[in-house]
Amino acid sequence: FGTLTLAAPAFAQTCLVETYGKNVQCTANDVRIAAVTSTHNLDGTPIATCNIGDRISFVATAQLVVGSTSSRSNIGMYFAKDNQPGDGGKAGGGALTGSCFRDIIPPGHPSLNAFCTGPGTPFSFCTGNQAGTSTQTLGSSNYTELDNLNLAPTPDNCGDGNAGTTQTIDVLVQDVLCEPISLTNPKLRLPNCVSWQVPGSTTLCQSPSPTYPFQSTAVPGSPSKCNCGVLEVPIIVQRAAIDVSKVANPTTQSGTDGGPVNYTVVVTNKSNLGAVTVNQLCDDKYGNIATATTSPAQPACAAGSLCASPNNVAGSTCATSISCSLPATLANPNDTVTCTFTGQIPENSTITDTVTANAVDQQASPLSKTATATASAGDAPSTATLTKTFVGTTAGCATVRYQAKVHNSSGGDETLTLSAVGDNAFGSITSLHGDSHTNNSVVGTTCGVATGTPGSGTLSGSTGGGAFNQTLAVGGSDYSCQFDGVICSSPLTTITLPNGATCTGIQHSNALTATLAGDDGTGETVSQSGGSLTVFECFDATSQ
């Protein structure tokens, strides 16, 4: 059933403090409305729902409890019309101040038809003066009058309560705002206060029939004689709403140059009023995640603060791997749509970004909700990778060990005297000269070194071939020595080996020379043959 509303706005009434005319402390707590057990429209039909933000009027069936050991009189009730924050306790608010609807407990069970002044006035069920079709009545299941102020013809008639009793009362609540207890509790929130007096110390409270309106004499007997709270009324507040959650994975990037971070956004229909349609997802750091094509068009998402040119303009994005299909109609409560995207976060930073989901309800009224997620990245380590590869051998040197021999090949008994040996390429081979990277250098020798004496340079571990002069007899021993000669080439060339193969290397030709004299003392020339040599040195280079 729908909500029956007033034909015209109800007259705004004051709440407890303004009605009483002074501040209250509400510490006695002797009387309270313990619960509202059912609700009805003013025409008597049940009321189960209201639309958020509407103003509604209804009759509440409530449990009124007198918890004190003494009876209480002239009970007044105050219901906040504008859903004022707070509960009237120490923090104030609620039905203490602001705009309220006020009630007393009337005698008997007056019908809501008594409020009618003519057809349709002030309620749609009215058919005439004090006549209508409402089946709803007001009053108490156990009306109590304790004040002996029966002053004819109008005695005290504001209802009271005996000690330790509970009354079931039907009380009028008029023109209050339809708002829920919370987003998770959809029941109607109704701040209220109750006031009372002590029998024997009461003020005469007389309310005129047939409607028995609230009387200003039904106020607290003292500043402490009141009790305030918030009623949870069994009227479900219908509202369109969405909820949004956002999760970052990973939440911490360690030892890397920032992101990427994968984000998951879930939009949920939290409405109890029907379907909602999600049209847009905007992120304050990454810009436009998804925007549906609608008429009129959705406003462009603001540029993401982490986006660089050309993506740092409204409607653009620097997110990647976006998966988000909009519009998405969520037909039923708790239906969801999931969107995912990847965003890069800077090195050595903590980023909390906010996503905003924009949607509409079935009446095209806008809905919006935000959610945040936080991710961080440490300082990336400073590293370098060195790479070295082999291209080829372009120049090279080799140290070659040569054996030098001089043999007396004369006929008869001709004796030769050897006074020196040398080489046409290396020059002197009896002394060290040059170095290991200079062509035609000699870096070690036993030539010209006395027998039993260590050689020079790289041949210091060998013994000398013999000092000069050396006598060479026909058929006698040869003169033999070694030297280490350095051969170099830059660039290396392709050489052909004696077996016909080729390689990259050095081909070096040289010839041994000797200074010889015959034994006839006439200075004859000693004919020399042989002593030539070609060395082929190949460079076989590999890398690893």
Protein backbone atom coordinates (compact mmCIF):
# COMPACT_ATOMS: atom_id res chain seq x y z
CA PHE A 1 0.00 0.00 0.00
CA GLY A 2 1.13 3.54 -0.63
CA THR A 3 1.73 6.23 1.90
CA LEU A 4 -1.18 8.49 2.74
CA THR A 5 0.05 12.06 2.96
CA LEU A 6 -1.51 15.32 4.03
CA ALA A 7 -3.43 17.37 1.52
CA ALA A 8 -1.52 20.39 2.85
CA PRO A 9 1.72 20.67 4.87
CA ALA A 10 1.21 20.19 8.60
CA PHE A 11 1.87 23.15 10.85
CA ALA A 12 5.45 22.95 12.16
CA GLN A 13 5.54 22.40 15.90
CA THR A 14 8.38 22.89 18.35
CA CYS A 15 10.38 20.13 19.98
CA LEU A 16 10.91 19.44 23.68
CA VAL A 17 13.26 22.28 24.67
CA GLU A 18 11.33 25.04 22.87
CA THR A 19 7.98 23.69 24.12
CA TYR A 20 9.24 23.51 27.72
CA GLY A 21 10.84 26.94 27.44
CA LYS A 22 14.06 26.03 29.19
CA ASN A 23 16.93 23.58 28.93
CA VAL A 24 16.50 19.99 30.03
CA GLN A 25 18.90 17.30 31.28
CA CYS A 26 16.65 14.23 30.70
CA THR A 27 18.32 12.08 33.37
CA ALA A 28 15.29 10.42 35.03
CA ASN A 29 14.39 8.03 32.19
CA ASP A 30 11.23 6.88 33.98
CA VAL A 31 9.09 6.65 30.84
CA ARG A 32 10.05 5.56 27.34
CA ILE A 33 8.67 4.33 24.06
CA ALA A 34 10.28 0.90 23.99
CA ALA A 35 9.39 -0.05 20.43
CA VAL A 36 7.10 0.56 17.49
CA THR A 37 5.56 -2.78 16.58
CA SER A 38 3.41 -1.85 13.57
CA THR A 39 2.39 1.09 11.40
CA HIS A 40 -0.69 2.12 9.41
CA ASN A 41 -1.65 4.82 6.99
CA LEU A 42 -4.11 7.38 8.36
CA ASP A 43 -6.93 5.59 6.53
CA GLY A 44 -6.15 2.37 8.42
CA THR A 45 -4.37 0.50 5.65
CA PRO A 46 -0.91 -0.93 6.42
CA ILE A 47 2.15 1.11 5.50
CA ALA A 48 5.31 -0.90 4.80
CA THR A 49 7.53 1.41 2.76
CA CYS A 50 8.33 5.02 2.03
CA ASN A 51 10.57 6.66 -0.54
CA ILE A 52 13.67 8.30 0.83
CA GLY A 53 13.32 12.07 1.14
CA ASP A 54 9.50 12.03 1.14
CA ARG A 55 7.43 13.29 4.05
CA ILE A 56 4.99 10.80 5.49
CA SER A 57 2.24 10.63 8.10
CA PHE A 58 1.22 7.41 9.82
CA VAL A 59 -0.14 5.90 13.03
CA ALA A 60 2.46 4.01 15.07
CA THR A 61 1.47 1.20 17.38
CA ALA A 62 4.02 1.53 20.15
CA GLN A 63 4.90 0.09 23.55
CA LEU A 64 4.93 2.83 26.20
CA VAL A 65 6.78 1.65 29.31
CA VAL A 66 6.69 3.26 32.75
CA GLY A 67 9.79 1.77 34.34
CA SER A 68 9.82 3.72 37.59
CA THR A 69 8.46 2.52 40.93
CA SER A 70 6.04 5.43 40.96
CA SER A 71 3.29 6.43 38.56
CA ARG A 72 3.75 9.25 36.05
CA SER A 73 1.27 11.82 34.68
CA ASN A 74 0.60 13.97 31.63
CA ILE A 75 2.88 12.03 29.28
CA GLY A 76 3.94 14.09 26.28
CA MET A 77 5.54 12.70 23.10
CA TYR A 78 7.74 14.54 20.57
CA PHE A 79 8.68 13.15 17.13
CA ALA A 80 11.40 14.87 15.06
CA LYS A 81 10.03 15.86 11.64
CA ASP A 82 13.33 16.49 9.88
CA ASN A 83 15.30 13.46 11.10
CA GLN A 84 17.55 15.74 13.13
CA PRO A 85 20.94 14.16 13.90
CA GLY A 86 21.66 12.87 17.38
CA ASP A 87 19.44 11.03 19.82
CA GLY A 88 18.76 13.72 22.42
CA GLY A 89 21.34 12.30 24.82
CA LYS A 90 24.41 14.12 26.08
CA ALA A 91 25.29 15.12 22.54
CA GLY A 92 21.84 16.65 22.08
CA GLY A 93 20.01 16.68 18.77
CA GLY A 94 17.13 14.32 18.06
CA ALA A 95 13.74 15.60 19.15
CA LEU A 96 15.13 18.06 21.70
CA THR A 97 15.22 21.00 19.32
CA GLY A 98 14.09 21.82 15.80
CA SER A 99 10.77 20.85 14.23
CA CYS A 100 8.66 18.12 15.79
CA PHE A 101 5.15 16.64 15.81
CA ARG A 102 3.76 16.37 19.37
CA ASP A 103 1.22 14.04 20.96
CA ILE A 104 -0.47 13.11 24.19
CA ILE A 105 -2.30 9.91 25.09
CA PRO A 106 -5.94 10.83 24.37
CA PRO A 107 -8.89 9.41 26.31
CA GLY A 108 -10.88 6.70 24.56
CA HIS A 109 -10.15 5.79 20.94
CA PRO A 110 -10.82 8.80 18.74
CA SER A 111 -11.15 8.01 15.03
CA LEU A 112 -8.94 9.67 12.44
CA ASN A 113 -12.22 10.70 10.77
CA ALA A 114 -12.52 13.26 13.57
CA PHE A 115 -9.82 15.30 11.84
CA CYS A 116 -11.96 15.72 8.71
CA THR A 117 -13.40 19.16 8.05
CA GLY A 118 -14.95 18.41 4.68
CA PRO A 119 -14.71 16.14 1.63
CA GLY A 120 -11.04 15.43 0.94
CA THR A 121 -9.91 17.84 3.66
CA PRO A 122 -7.39 17.58 5.17
CA PHE A 123 -7.05 13.91 4.09
CA SER A 124 -8.14 12.10 0.97
CA PHE A 125 -10.37 9.71 2.97
CA CYS A 126 -12.48 12.57 4.38
CA THR A 127 -16.06 12.66 3.16
CA GLY A 128 -17.44 15.45 5.32
CA ASN A 129 -17.13 17.23 8.65
CA GLN A 130 -15.79 14.63 11.12
CA ALA A 131 -16.72 11.98 8.58
CA GLY A 132 -14.59 9.74 6.44
CA THR A 133 -13.64 6.20 5.53
CA SER A 134 -10.63 5.73 7.82
CA THR A 135 -10.69 2.66 10.05
CA GLN A 136 -7.82 3.91 12.17
CA THR A 137 -8.17 5.06 15.77
CA LEU A 138 -5.80 6.59 18.32
CA GLY A 139 -5.42 6.03 22.05
CA SER A 140 -4.25 3.46 24.58
CA SER A 141 -5.09 -0.16 25.26
CA ASN A 142 -5.16 0.75 28.94
CA TYR A 143 -5.93 4.45 29.24
CA THR A 144 -5.00 5.72 32.73
CA GLU A 145 -5.92 8.99 34.38
CA LEU A 146 -4.26 9.54 37.77
CA ASP A 147 -4.72 13.26 38.30
CA ASN A 148 -7.66 14.17 40.56
CA LEU A 149 -8.25 17.40 38.75
CA ASN A 150 -11.79 16.63 37.67
CA LEU A 151 -12.81 20.20 37.22
CA ALA A 152 -16.18 20.23 35.51
CA PRO A 153 -16.87 20.50 32.71
CA THR A 154 -13.30 19.81 31.41
CA PRO A 155 -11.30 17.52 33.69
CA ASP A 156 -7.63 16.57 33.11
CA ASN A 157 -7.57 14.18 30.14
CA CYS A 158 -3.89 13.85 29.15
CA GLY A 159 -3.06 10.18 29.65
CA ASP A 160 -0.90 8.90 32.49
CA GLY A 161 0.88 5.65 33.40
CA ASN A 162 0.99 3.43 36.48
CA ALA A 163 4.33 2.32 37.89
CA GLY A 164 5.85 -0.72 36.22
CA THR A 165 3.28 -0.99 33.43
CA THR A 166 3.37 -1.14 29.63
CA GLN A 167 0.64 0.36 27.49
CA THR A 168 0.07 -0.32 23.82
CA ILE A 169 -0.73 3.03 22.26
CA ASP A 170 -1.72 4.14 18.77
CA VAL A 171 -0.10 7.54 18.28
CA LEU A 172 -0.24 9.92 15.34
CA VAL A 173 3.12 10.75 13.68
CA GLN A 174 2.67 13.48 11.10
CA ASP A 175 4.82 14.92 8.29
CA VAL A 176 8.15 13.31 9.20
CA LEU A 177 11.03 12.80 6.80
CA CYS A 178 11.56 9.36 5.29
CA GLU A 179 15.19 8.51 6.12
CA PRO A 180 16.75 5.16 7.07
CA ILE A 181 18.58 4.23 10.24
CA SER A 182 21.71 3.68 8.14
CA LEU A 183 22.81 2.42 4.74
CA THR A 184 22.78 -1.10 6.12
CA ASN A 185 19.55 -0.75 8.12
CA PRO A 186 16.71 0.44 5.88
CA LYS A 187 14.10 0.91 8.63
CA LEU A 188 12.71 4.40 9.23
CA ARG A 189 14.70 6.46 11.71
CA LEU A 190 12.49 8.44 14.10
CA PRO A 191 14.14 10.55 16.86
CA ASN A 192 11.76 11.05 19.75
CA CYS A 193 11.46 12.37 23.29
CA VAL A 194 8.97 11.57 26.08
CA SER A 195 8.20 13.88 29.02
CA TRP A 196 6.10 13.44 32.18
CA GLN A 197 5.07 14.91 35.53
CA VAL A 198 4.61 13.46 39.03
CA PRO A 199 0.97 12.86 40.15
CA GLY A 200 0.02 15.39 42.75
CA SER A 201 2.48 17.93 41.37
CA THR A 202 0.90 18.21 37.95
CA THR A 203 -0.40 21.04 35.88
CA LEU A 204 -3.96 20.69 34.64
CA CYS A 205 -3.75 19.24 31.14
CA GLN A 206 -7.02 19.44 29.20
CA SER A 207 -7.17 18.58 25.50
CA PRO A 208 -10.33 19.33 23.50
CA SER A 209 -12.26 16.60 21.75
CA PRO A 210 -12.69 15.17 19.21
CA THR A 211 -9.01 15.23 18.04
CA TYR A 212 -7.32 15.73 21.43
CA PRO A 213 -4.25 17.66 20.24
CA PHE A 214 -1.06 18.11 22.26
CA GLN A 215 -1.27 20.66 25.08
CA SER A 216 1.58 22.91 26.23
CA THR A 217 0.85 21.82 29.82
CA ALA A 218 2.05 18.26 28.95
CA VAL A 219 5.67 19.26 29.52
CA PRO A 220 8.34 17.96 31.91
CA GLY A 221 7.57 18.47 35.59
CA SER A 222 11.25 19.41 35.95
CA PRO A 223 14.27 19.55 33.62
CA SER A 224 15.19 15.94 34.41
CA LYS A 225 11.80 14.38 33.70
CA CYS A 226 12.29 13.39 30.09
CA ASN A 227 13.79 10.63 28.01
CA CYS A 228 15.04 10.78 24.41
CA GLY A 229 16.19 8.26 21.85
CA VAL A 230 15.79 7.03 18.28
CA LEU A 231 13.00 4.66 17.30
CA GLU A 232 13.51 1.99 14.66
CA VAL A 233 10.16 2.10 12.89
CA PRO A 234 9.14 -0.96 10.81
CA ILE A 235 8.73 1.07 7.63
CA ILE A 236 11.31 0.18 4.98
CA VAL A 237 12.89 3.23 3.42
CA GLN A 238 13.04 2.69 -0.32
CA ARG A 239 16.17 4.19 -1.79
CA ALA A 240 18.28 3.82 -4.86
CA ALA A 241 21.93 3.41 -3.97
CA ILE A 242 25.19 1.92 -5.16
CA ASP A 243 28.28 0.78 -3.32
CA VAL A 244 31.82 0.73 -4.72
CA SER A 245 34.89 -1.22 -3.66
CA LYS A 246 38.42 -0.91 -5.01
CA VAL A 247 41.37 -3.26 -4.53
CA ALA A 248 45.01 -2.76 -5.58
CA ASN A 249 47.30 -5.69 -6.39
CA PRO A 250 50.09 -5.63 -5.47
CA THR A 251 49.80 -3.04 -2.73
CA THR A 252 53.58 -2.77 -2.43
CA GLN A 253 56.14 -2.67 -5.22
CA SER A 254 59.58 -3.39 -3.77
CA GLY A 255 62.81 -2.63 -5.56
CA THR A 256 61.20 -1.63 -8.82
CA ASP A 257 60.79 1.62 -10.65
CA GLY A 258 57.20 2.12 -9.53
CA GLY A 259 54.19 0.10 -10.87
CA PRO A 260 52.42 -1.41 -12.55
CA VAL A 261 49.51 -1.98 -10.15
CA ASN A 262 46.37 -3.87 -11.12
CA TYR A 263 43.12 -2.40 -9.81
CA THR A 264 39.76 -4.16 -9.43
CA VAL A 265 36.62 -2.03 -8.97
CA VAL A 266 33.26 -3.59 -8.09
CA VAL A 267 30.03 -1.56 -8.25
CA THR A 268 27.08 -3.10 -6.38
CA ASN A 269 23.37 -2.29 -6.57
CA LYS A 270 22.43 -1.43 -2.99
CA SER A 271 18.98 -0.20 -3.93
CA ASN A 272 15.76 -1.63 -2.55
CA LEU A 273 13.88 0.43 -5.10
CA GLY A 274 14.79 -1.47 -8.30
CA ALA A 275 17.44 -1.42 -10.98
CA VAL A 276 20.34 1.00 -11.31
CA THR A 277 22.47 1.64 -14.39
CA VAL A 278 26.18 2.34 -14.08
CA ASN A 279 27.33 4.76 -16.79
CA GLN A 280 30.78 5.96 -15.82
CA LEU A 281 33.93 5.16 -13.87
CA CYS A 282 36.45 7.94 -13.24
CA ASP A 283 39.75 7.73 -11.36
CA ASP A 284 41.42 10.81 -9.92
CA LYS A 285 44.92 9.48 -10.71
CA TYR A 286 44.32 7.73 -14.06
CA GLY A 287 41.38 9.64 -15.58
CA ASN A 288 38.57 8.10 -17.64
CA ILE A 289 38.33 4.35 -17.00
CA ALA A 290 35.03 3.93 -18.87
CA THR A 291 32.20 6.21 -19.98
CA ALA A 292 28.98 4.97 -21.58
CA THR A 293 27.40 6.70 -24.54
CA THR A 294 24.26 8.31 -23.11
CA SER A 295 21.86 11.09 -23.98
CA PRO A 296 22.60 13.60 -22.64
CA ALA A 297 26.29 12.69 -22.61
CA GLN A 298 28.12 12.06 -19.38
CA PRO A 299 30.39 14.88 -18.18
CA ALA A 300 34.00 14.09 -19.03
CA CYS A 301 36.13 12.54 -16.29
CA ALA A 302 38.77 14.94 -15.01
CA ALA A 303 42.33 14.37 -16.18
CA GLY A 304 44.26 11.89 -14.05
CA SER A 305 46.91 13.55 -11.89
CA LEU A 306 49.46 10.83 -12.77
CA CYS A 307 48.87 11.11 -16.50
CA ALA A 308 51.42 12.76 -18.76
CA SER A 309 50.86 14.41 -22.12
CA PRO A 310 48.95 13.69 -24.30
CA ASN A 311 46.73 11.83 -21.79
CA ASN A 312 46.56 14.59 -19.17
CA VAL A 313 43.31 16.10 -20.46
CA ALA A 314 39.70 15.62 -19.38
CA GLY A 315 38.11 12.52 -20.82
CA SER A 316 41.44 10.80 -21.48
CA THR A 317 43.26 8.12 -19.49
CA CYS A 318 46.72 6.78 -18.79
CA ALA A 319 45.41 3.49 -17.46
CA THR A 320 46.13 0.36 -19.48
CA SER A 321 44.55 -3.08 -19.85
CA ILE A 322 41.10 -1.60 -19.13
CA SER A 323 38.24 -4.10 -18.96
CA CYS A 324 34.99 -2.28 -18.18
CA SER A 325 31.75 -2.68 -20.13
CA LEU A 326 29.38 0.25 -19.58
CA PRO A 327 26.51 0.98 -19.42
CA ALA A 328 25.81 -1.86 -17.00
CA THR A 329 22.25 -2.34 -15.73
CA LEU A 330 22.12 -3.95 -12.29
CA ALA A 331 18.56 -5.19 -12.15
CA ASN A 332 18.44 -6.63 -8.64
CA PRO A 333 19.82 -5.80 -5.21
CA ASN A 334 23.44 -6.94 -4.81
CA ASP A 335 23.95 -7.34 -8.57
CA THR A 336 27.46 -6.21 -9.48
CA VAL A 337 29.63 -5.06 -12.36
CA THR A 338 33.41 -5.51 -12.16
CA CYS A 339 35.97 -3.33 -13.92
CA THR A 340 39.73 -3.84 -13.99
CA PHE A 341 42.61 -1.68 -15.15
CA THR A 342 46.35 -1.22 -14.66
CA GLY A 343 48.00 1.98 -13.50
CA GLN A 344 51.67 2.90 -13.15
CA ILE A 345 52.71 4.35 -9.80
CA PRO A 346 55.90 6.38 -9.41
CA GLU A 347 59.06 5.14 -7.75
CA ASN A 348 59.46 5.80 -4.02
CA SER A 349 55.84 6.89 -3.46
CA THR A 350 52.58 5.92 -1.78
CA ILE A 351 49.52 6.57 -3.92
CA THR A 352 45.93 6.60 -2.66
CA ASP A 353 43.64 6.99 -5.63
CA THR A 354 39.90 7.48 -5.65
CA VAL A 355 37.52 5.97 -8.17
CA THR A 356 34.05 7.44 -8.66
CA ALA A 357 31.16 5.42 -10.07
CA ASN A 358 28.31 7.40 -11.60
CA ALA A 359 24.92 5.77 -12.13
CA VAL A 360 21.19 6.52 -12.38
CA ASP A 361 18.12 4.88 -10.88
CA GLN A 362 14.93 3.96 -12.73
CA GLN A 363 13.75 7.57 -12.57
CA ALA A 364 17.08 8.73 -14.06
CA SER A 365 18.03 10.33 -10.75
CA PRO A 366 21.83 10.46 -10.43
CA LEU A 367 23.71 8.22 -8.03
CA SER A 368 27.40 8.48 -7.20
CA LYS A 369 29.78 6.66 -4.88
CA THR A 370 33.55 6.62 -4.40
CA ALA A 371 36.12 4.11 -3.19
CA THR A 372 39.86 4.29 -2.61
CA ALA A 373 42.85 1.98 -2.78
CA THR A 374 46.44 2.53 -1.72
CA ALA A 375 49.61 1.17 -3.30
CA SER A 376 53.27 2.06 -2.77
CA ALA A 377 56.62 1.58 -4.45
CA GLY A 378 60.07 1.74 -2.93
CA ASP A 379 63.24 3.29 -4.29
CA ALA A 380 64.48 1.31 -7.27
CA PRO A 381 68.10 0.09 -6.95
CA SER A 382 70.75 1.74 -9.14
CA THR A 383 72.13 -1.00 -11.40
CA ALA A 384 74.11 -1.30 -14.63
CA THR A 385 74.58 -4.29 -16.95
CA LEU A 386 77.90 -4.56 -18.73
CA THR A 387 78.12 -6.50 -22.01
CA LYS A 388 81.27 -7.43 -23.87
CA THR A 389 81.28 -9.55 -27.03
CA PHE A 390 84.06 -10.89 -29.24
CA VAL A 391 84.21 -9.31 -32.69
CA GLY A 392 87.50 -10.67 -34.03
CA THR A 393 91.28 -10.54 -33.63
CA THR A 394 92.60 -7.50 -35.45
CA ALA A 395 96.24 -7.50 -34.30
CA GLY A 396 98.53 -9.85 -32.48
CA CYS A 397 102.04 -10.83 -31.42
CA ALA A 398 103.60 -14.19 -30.75
CA THR A 399 106.82 -15.12 -29.02
CA VAL A 400 108.50 -17.85 -31.07
CA ARG A 401 111.36 -19.97 -29.72
CA TYR A 402 114.00 -20.60 -32.37
CA GLN A 403 116.75 -23.21 -32.37
CA ALA A 404 119.92 -21.94 -34.08
CA LYS A 405 122.62 -24.43 -35.21
CA VAL A 406 125.90 -23.92 -37.04
CA HIS A 407 127.44 -27.05 -38.61
CA ASN A 408 130.91 -27.34 -40.18
CA SER A 409 130.13 -28.90 -43.54
CA SER A 410 133.63 -28.30 -44.96
CA GLY A 411 135.59 -30.96 -46.80
CA GLY A 412 138.84 -32.43 -45.60
CA ASP A 413 140.11 -31.23 -42.24
CA GLU A 414 139.05 -27.59 -42.53
CA THR A 415 138.32 -26.14 -39.08
CA LEU A 416 135.98 -23.14 -38.68
CA THR A 417 135.95 -20.49 -36.01
CA LEU A 418 132.48 -19.12 -35.05
CA SER A 419 132.65 -15.65 -33.59
CA ALA A 420 128.96 -14.51 -33.77
CA VAL A 421 125.45 -15.49 -34.80
CA GLY A 422 122.62 -13.20 -35.87
CA ASP A 423 119.39 -13.02 -37.88
CA ASN A 424 118.39 -10.97 -40.89
CA ALA A 425 115.03 -10.09 -39.28
CA PHE A 426 115.82 -10.08 -35.54
CA GLY A 427 119.31 -8.67 -35.81
CA SER A 428 121.45 -9.67 -32.86
CA ILE A 429 120.25 -12.84 -31.20
CA THR A 430 122.95 -12.86 -28.53
CA SER A 431 121.48 -9.89 -26.64
CA LEU A 432 118.00 -8.80 -25.52
CA HIS A 433 116.26 -5.91 -27.27
CA GLY A 434 112.64 -4.71 -27.71
CA ASP A 435 109.70 -6.18 -25.77
CA SER A 436 106.96 -8.75 -26.05
CA HIS A 437 104.70 -6.54 -28.20
CA THR A 438 107.23 -5.14 -30.66
CA ASN A 439 107.96 -6.96 -33.89
CA ASN A 440 111.46 -8.55 -34.30
CA SER A 441 112.31 -8.15 -30.64
CA VAL A 442 114.49 -10.72 -28.84
CA VAL A 443 113.25 -11.33 -25.30
CA GLY A 444 115.30 -14.39 -24.39
CA THR A 445 118.53 -16.09 -25.56
CA THR A 446 121.20 -18.68 -24.78
CA CYS A 447 123.28 -17.72 -27.82
CA GLY A 448 126.75 -16.44 -26.96
CA VAL A 449 126.20 -17.40 -23.31
CA ALA A 450 128.90 -19.54 -21.70
CA THR A 451 128.10 -23.17 -21.14
CA GLY A 452 126.80 -23.77 -17.61
CA THR A 453 125.68 -20.16 -17.32
CA PRO A 454 121.88 -19.35 -17.28
CA GLY A 455 120.44 -17.84 -20.40
CA SER A 456 118.96 -14.34 -20.59
CA GLY A 457 115.34 -13.11 -20.37
CA THR A 458 112.67 -15.69 -21.05
CA LEU A 459 115.39 -18.37 -21.41
CA SER A 460 116.92 -17.75 -18.00
CA GLY A 461 115.89 -21.26 -17.03
CA SER A 462 118.13 -22.75 -19.71
CA THR A 463 121.93 -22.92 -19.87
CA GLY A 464 124.10 -21.10 -22.36
CA GLY A 465 124.93 -22.50 -25.75
CA GLY A 466 128.57 -21.45 -25.36
CA ALA A 467 130.51 -18.24 -25.45
CA PHE A 468 132.31 -17.05 -28.58
CA ASN A 469 134.72 -17.83 -30.13
CA GLN A 470 133.76 -21.44 -30.81
CA THR A 471 135.91 -23.90 -32.88
CA LEU A 472 133.93 -26.20 -35.16
CA ALA A 473 135.84 -29.25 -36.50
CA VAL A 474 134.79 -31.29 -39.48
CA GLY A 475 132.70 -34.13 -38.10
CA GLY A 476 132.65 -32.49 -34.69
CA SER A 477 129.81 -31.12 -32.64
CA ASP A 478 127.55 -28.36 -33.92
CA TYR A 479 127.14 -25.04 -32.18
CA SER A 480 123.54 -24.94 -30.90
CA CYS A 481 121.60 -22.25 -29.01
CA GLN A 482 118.04 -20.90 -28.65
CA PHE A 483 116.46 -17.47 -28.71
CA ASP A 484 112.89 -16.16 -28.25
CA GLY A 485 111.88 -13.78 -31.01
CA VAL A 486 108.69 -11.68 -31.08
CA ILE A 487 106.72 -11.54 -34.31
CA CYS A 488 103.78 -9.09 -34.67
CA SER A 489 101.25 -8.06 -37.28
CA SER A 490 98.66 -5.26 -37.33
CA PRO A 491 96.29 -5.90 -38.84
CA LEU A 492 96.32 -9.67 -38.93
CA THR A 493 95.91 -11.14 -42.35
CA THR A 494 94.64 -14.33 -43.88
CA ILE A 495 97.62 -16.62 -44.46
CA THR A 496 97.92 -19.85 -46.42
CA LEU A 497 99.54 -22.71 -44.54
CA PRO A 498 101.89 -25.22 -46.21
CA ASN A 499 99.04 -27.78 -46.23
CA GLY A 500 96.86 -25.38 -48.21
CA ALA A 501 94.60 -24.40 -45.30
CA THR A 502 94.09 -20.77 -44.34
CA CYS A 503 93.80 -18.93 -41.07
CA THR A 504 93.97 -15.46 -39.59
CA GLY A 505 97.50 -14.91 -38.30
CA ILE A 506 101.12 -13.95 -38.99
CA GLN A 507 103.54 -15.25 -41.62
CA HIS A 508 107.14 -14.32 -40.67
CA SER A 509 110.26 -15.23 -42.69
CA ASN A 510 113.80 -14.88 -41.33
CA ALA A 511 117.28 -16.30 -41.88
CA LEU A 512 120.12 -17.18 -39.53
CA THR A 513 123.50 -15.54 -40.11
CA ALA A 514 126.91 -16.53 -38.71
CA THR A 515 130.37 -14.94 -38.59
CA LEU A 516 132.86 -17.67 -39.50
CA ALA A 517 136.59 -17.85 -40.33
CA GLY A 518 138.61 -20.65 -41.91
CA ASP A 519 141.88 -22.11 -40.49
CA ASP A 520 144.34 -21.10 -43.19
CA GLY A 521 144.63 -17.53 -41.90
CA THR A 522 144.19 -16.05 -45.34
CA GLY A 523 140.76 -14.50 -44.61
CA GLU A 524 139.02 -16.76 -46.96
CA THR A 525 135.28 -16.43 -47.24
CA VAL A 526 133.27 -19.21 -45.63
CA SER A 527 130.40 -20.15 -47.86
CA GLN A 528 127.09 -20.45 -45.88
CA SER A 529 123.88 -22.25 -46.85
CA GLY A 530 120.51 -22.87 -45.17
CA GLY A 531 119.35 -21.03 -42.10
CA SER A 532 116.11 -19.69 -43.64
CA LEU A 533 112.77 -20.29 -41.90
CA THR A 534 109.13 -19.17 -42.37
CA VAL A 535 106.86 -19.30 -39.32
CA PHE A 536 103.05 -19.48 -39.71
CA GLU A 537 101.29 -18.39 -36.50
CA CYS A 538 97.47 -18.80 -36.46
CA PHE A 539 95.18 -16.99 -33.97
CA ASP A 540 92.19 -19.17 -33.08
CA ALA A 541 90.01 -16.88 -30.90
CA THR A 542 86.86 -17.88 -29.02
CA SER A 543 84.79 -16.05 -26.42
CA GLN A 544 82.69 -17.09 -23.43
